[in-house]
Amino acid sequence: MGSIDLRMTKRGVVLFIENYEDLSQLFADITNKFSQLEGFFAPGDKLSIMMKDKEKYSKDITDIVSFIEEKGFKVGEILVGEMNKKTPNKMSVKQKLNVVESEASKRLNPTKVIKKTVRSGQAVVHDGDVIVMGNLNSGGEIISAGNVVILGEARGVIRAGVKGEESSVIYAILMNPELVQIANHVAHLSETLKNAVVHVRNGKVVFEGYNELNFANGRG
């Protein structure tokens, strides 16, 4: 049984998500909560999402954000904390995700193009491929259901294929991230690589030069 709540805090309206077993049931619980407060909110109102365990539900974040925005709200932040707190806990910059609002589209997994640098404290959350025409600074984060391409230097956190798609890849002109994740596989890089591609091979995250790619085991 999931546990959600909707509260007004100093940050504004916050949707607390403590725990859930099934995503469809979570959506039903959220819909029911909004219906109970019908008339309290106006179309386009901004709210934040607080999750007790963001890492546990990372694969669902893009779906949750899309669902909330389909309800007419704008998601401002994704926070991490406890539901029994009246206000969100103080968190590191990495945890304060300023979600870049995805374009409204009915296309399946459209590519999101970011024509600027993703700075510390910001994040791109998208249910599809992401292309950043700029840098990903330290403290910034990209959460993508598909592939991630960074036409600059990658120094933040990159999560690709968050719904479990191990065939997703990450590319950067300069690859020096704090952390990379593809599906459920996580890795760190100890040196800066040029024109590097990150992908999964034999259940492990592999960093390779663009000209040295070897997509083994049926990868294309």
Protein backbone atom coordinates (compact mmCIF):
# COMPACT_ATOMS: atom_id res chain seq x y z
CA MET A 1 0.00 0.00 0.00
CA GLY A 2 1.50 3.31 -1.01
CA SER A 3 1.65 6.43 1.08
CA ILE A 4 1.30 9.91 -0.42
CA ASP A 5 0.36 13.33 0.87
CA LEU A 6 -0.11 16.81 -0.53
CA ARG A 7 0.95 19.72 1.67
CA MET A 8 1.58 23.43 1.57
CA THR A 9 5.08 24.32 2.80
CA LYS A 10 7.39 27.31 2.67
CA ARG A 11 8.47 26.02 -0.74
CA GLY A 12 4.87 25.94 -1.93
CA VAL A 13 2.80 22.84 -2.71
CA VAL A 14 4.72 19.58 -2.20
CA LEU A 15 3.54 16.12 -3.22
CA PHE A 16 5.09 13.60 -0.81
CA ILE A 17 5.65 10.07 -2.11
CA GLU A 18 6.84 7.79 0.65
CA ASN A 19 6.42 4.30 -0.71
CA TYR A 20 4.49 2.36 -3.34
CA GLU A 21 4.47 -1.09 -4.89
CA ASP A 22 2.73 -0.43 -8.19
CA LEU A 23 3.05 2.65 -10.43
CA SER A 24 -0.55 2.45 -11.67
CA GLN A 25 -1.81 2.37 -8.08
CA LEU A 26 0.37 5.37 -7.26
CA PHE A 27 -1.20 7.28 -10.17
CA ALA A 28 -4.67 6.31 -8.91
CA ASP A 29 -3.77 7.53 -5.39
CA ILE A 30 -2.46 10.83 -6.78
CA THR A 31 -5.59 11.32 -8.90
CA ASN A 32 -7.77 10.65 -5.87
CA LYS A 33 -5.78 13.12 -3.76
CA PHE A 34 -6.12 15.84 -6.40
CA SER A 35 -9.87 15.19 -6.71
CA GLN A 36 -10.27 15.62 -2.96
CA LEU A 37 -8.76 19.09 -3.29
CA GLU A 38 -10.61 20.09 -6.47
CA GLY A 39 -10.92 23.85 -6.70
CA PHE A 40 -7.89 24.46 -4.50
CA PHE A 41 -5.45 24.41 -7.42
CA ALA A 42 -5.47 26.33 -10.69
CA PRO A 43 -4.20 25.05 -14.06
CA GLY A 44 -0.47 25.61 -14.40
CA ASP A 45 0.21 25.69 -10.66
CA LYS A 46 3.74 24.71 -9.72
CA LEU A 47 4.48 21.95 -7.25
CA SER A 48 7.47 19.99 -6.00
CA ILE A 49 7.73 16.24 -5.63
CA MET A 50 9.36 14.82 -2.51
CA MET A 51 10.40 11.16 -2.57
CA LYS A 52 11.55 9.28 0.51
CA ASP A 53 13.87 7.12 -1.60
CA LYS A 54 14.70 8.70 -4.98
CA GLU A 55 17.29 6.05 -5.86
CA LYS A 56 14.84 3.18 -5.31
CA TYR A 57 12.29 4.68 -7.69
CA SER A 58 14.69 6.37 -10.14
CA LYS A 59 13.32 4.36 -13.08
CA ASP A 60 9.83 5.82 -12.45
CA ILE A 61 10.75 9.50 -12.11
CA THR A 62 10.15 10.40 -15.77
CA ASP A 63 6.74 8.69 -15.72
CA ILE A 64 5.74 10.40 -12.48
CA VAL A 65 6.76 13.84 -13.76
CA SER A 66 4.89 13.28 -17.04
CA PHE A 67 1.77 12.12 -15.18
CA ILE A 68 1.77 15.19 -12.91
CA GLU A 69 2.23 17.53 -15.88
CA GLU A 70 -0.62 15.80 -17.74
CA LYS A 71 -2.78 16.79 -14.76
CA GLY A 72 -2.00 20.43 -15.55
CA PHE A 73 0.73 21.09 -13.00
CA LYS A 74 4.31 22.20 -13.50
CA VAL A 75 6.94 20.24 -11.60
CA GLY A 76 9.51 22.60 -10.11
CA GLU A 77 11.75 20.36 -8.02
CA ILE A 78 12.32 16.76 -7.05
CA LEU A 79 13.35 16.56 -3.39
CA VAL A 80 14.45 13.82 -1.04
CA GLY A 81 13.20 13.58 2.53
CA GLU A 82 10.77 12.17 5.09
CA MET A 83 6.99 12.63 4.99
CA ASN A 84 6.83 13.30 8.71
CA LYS A 85 8.81 16.49 8.27
CA LYS A 86 6.78 19.69 7.93
CA THR A 87 9.34 21.09 5.51
CA PRO A 88 11.90 19.41 3.25
CA ASN A 89 15.25 18.47 4.78
CA LYS A 90 18.32 20.46 3.87
CA MET A 91 19.95 18.55 1.04
CA SER A 92 23.09 18.64 -1.03
CA VAL A 93 23.04 20.40 -4.36
CA LYS A 94 23.00 17.02 -6.11
CA GLN A 95 19.70 16.15 -4.45
CA LYS A 96 17.95 19.41 -5.27
CA LEU A 97 16.86 18.69 -8.81
CA ASN A 98 15.49 21.69 -10.64
CA VAL A 99 13.56 19.80 -13.29
CA VAL A 100 13.79 21.19 -16.82
CA GLU A 101 10.18 21.18 -17.99
CA SER A 102 9.79 18.74 -20.86
CA GLU A 103 7.90 19.86 -23.96
CA ALA A 104 4.26 18.81 -24.19
CA SER A 105 4.12 16.21 -26.91
CA LYS A 106 2.16 13.10 -27.79
CA ARG A 107 5.02 11.62 -29.78
CA LEU A 108 6.64 8.50 -28.36
CA ASN A 109 9.89 9.33 -26.60
CA PRO A 110 10.73 12.55 -28.50
CA THR A 111 14.33 13.71 -28.23
CA LYS A 112 14.87 16.55 -25.76
CA VAL A 113 17.46 19.10 -26.95
CA ILE A 114 18.95 21.40 -24.29
CA LYS A 115 20.68 24.37 -25.92
CA LYS A 116 22.62 25.50 -22.87
CA THR A 117 24.86 24.24 -20.10
CA VAL A 118 23.20 22.24 -17.32
CA ARG A 119 24.54 23.93 -14.21
CA SER A 120 25.06 22.77 -10.65
CA GLY A 121 21.72 22.15 -8.93
CA GLN A 122 19.84 21.69 -12.22
CA ALA A 123 18.64 18.48 -13.82
CA VAL A 124 17.13 17.34 -17.08
CA VAL A 125 14.43 14.69 -16.55
CA HIS A 126 13.05 13.26 -19.78
CA ASP A 127 11.21 10.17 -20.99
CA GLY A 128 13.35 9.73 -24.09
CA ASP A 129 16.74 10.65 -25.55
CA VAL A 130 18.52 13.80 -24.34
CA ILE A 131 21.01 15.96 -26.27
CA VAL A 132 22.83 18.72 -24.39
CA MET A 133 24.46 21.37 -26.59
CA GLY A 134 26.71 22.56 -23.80
CA ASN A 135 28.35 21.21 -20.68
CA LEU A 136 27.00 19.22 -17.76
CA ASN A 137 28.57 20.92 -14.77
CA SER A 138 29.49 19.21 -11.52
CA GLY A 139 26.37 19.04 -9.36
CA GLY A 140 24.08 18.86 -12.40
CA GLU A 141 22.18 15.72 -13.35
CA ILE A 142 20.57 14.14 -16.39
CA ILE A 143 17.91 11.45 -15.94
CA SER A 144 16.88 9.91 -19.24
CA ALA A 145 14.81 6.90 -20.27
CA GLY A 146 16.89 6.69 -23.46
CA ASN A 147 20.34 7.76 -24.64
CA VAL A 148 22.29 10.83 -23.50
CA VAL A 149 24.56 12.88 -25.80
CA ILE A 150 26.57 15.79 -24.38
CA LEU A 151 28.24 18.05 -26.94
CA GLY A 152 30.62 19.44 -24.36
CA GLU A 153 32.16 18.33 -21.07
CA ALA A 154 30.27 15.96 -18.78
CA ARG A 155 31.19 16.46 -15.13
CA GLY A 156 27.89 15.82 -13.33
CA VAL A 157 25.69 12.75 -12.84
CA ILE A 158 24.29 10.96 -15.90
CA ARG A 159 21.56 8.32 -15.68
CA ALA A 160 20.47 6.74 -18.98
CA GLY A 161 17.99 3.96 -19.66
CA VAL A 162 16.45 4.50 -16.22
CA LYS A 163 13.48 2.27 -17.05
CA GLY A 164 15.82 -0.69 -17.42
CA GLU A 165 16.97 -0.26 -21.03
CA GLU A 166 20.52 -1.66 -20.99
CA SER A 167 21.04 -0.84 -24.68
CA SER A 168 21.09 2.89 -23.88
CA VAL A 169 24.40 4.71 -24.37
CA ILE A 170 26.02 7.89 -23.09
CA TYR A 171 28.36 10.05 -25.21
CA ALA A 172 30.35 13.17 -24.35
CA ILE A 173 33.09 15.12 -26.10
CA LEU A 174 34.87 15.24 -22.72
CA MET A 175 33.79 12.51 -20.33
CA ASN A 176 34.61 13.13 -16.65
CA PRO A 177 31.35 12.50 -14.75
CA GLU A 178 30.80 12.17 -11.02
CA LEU A 179 28.73 9.06 -11.71
CA VAL A 180 27.14 7.27 -14.65
CA GLN A 181 24.25 4.84 -14.58
CA ILE A 182 22.74 2.76 -17.38
CA ALA A 183 19.64 0.82 -16.33
CA ASN A 184 20.69 -0.61 -12.95
CA HIS A 185 24.44 -0.54 -13.64
CA VAL A 186 26.45 2.21 -11.92
CA ALA A 187 30.08 3.19 -12.49
CA HIS A 188 32.64 5.91 -11.77
CA LEU A 189 35.41 7.19 -14.04
CA SER A 190 38.87 8.01 -12.64
CA GLU A 191 40.18 9.92 -15.65
CA THR A 192 38.93 12.27 -18.33
CA LEU A 193 38.26 10.68 -21.73
CA LYS A 194 37.79 12.44 -25.07
CA ASN A 195 34.98 11.49 -27.45
CA ALA A 196 33.93 8.70 -25.12
CA VAL A 197 30.93 6.39 -25.19
CA VAL A 198 29.56 4.58 -22.16
CA HIS A 199 27.55 1.40 -22.62
CA VAL A 200 26.83 -1.94 -20.96
CA ARG A 201 28.70 -5.08 -21.98
CA ASN A 202 28.34 -8.42 -20.22
CA GLY A 203 26.51 -6.76 -17.36
CA LYS A 204 29.19 -4.12 -16.74
CA VAL A 205 29.49 -0.44 -17.63
CA VAL A 206 32.23 0.10 -20.23
CA PHE A 207 33.94 3.38 -21.19
CA GLU A 208 35.34 3.42 -24.72
CA GLY A 209 36.72 5.91 -27.19
CA TYR A 210 34.37 6.75 -30.05
CA ASN A 211 36.77 5.18 -32.57
CA GLU A 212 37.27 2.04 -30.48
CA LEU A 213 33.65 1.03 -30.00
CA ASN A 214 32.87 -2.64 -29.69
CA PHE A 215 29.18 -3.25 -29.12
CA ALA A 216 29.45 -6.93 -28.34
CA ASN A 217 26.78 -9.51 -27.57
CA GLY A 218 24.27 -8.48 -30.20
CA ARG A 219 24.45 -4.74 -29.62
CA GLY A 220 24.19 -2.63 -32.76
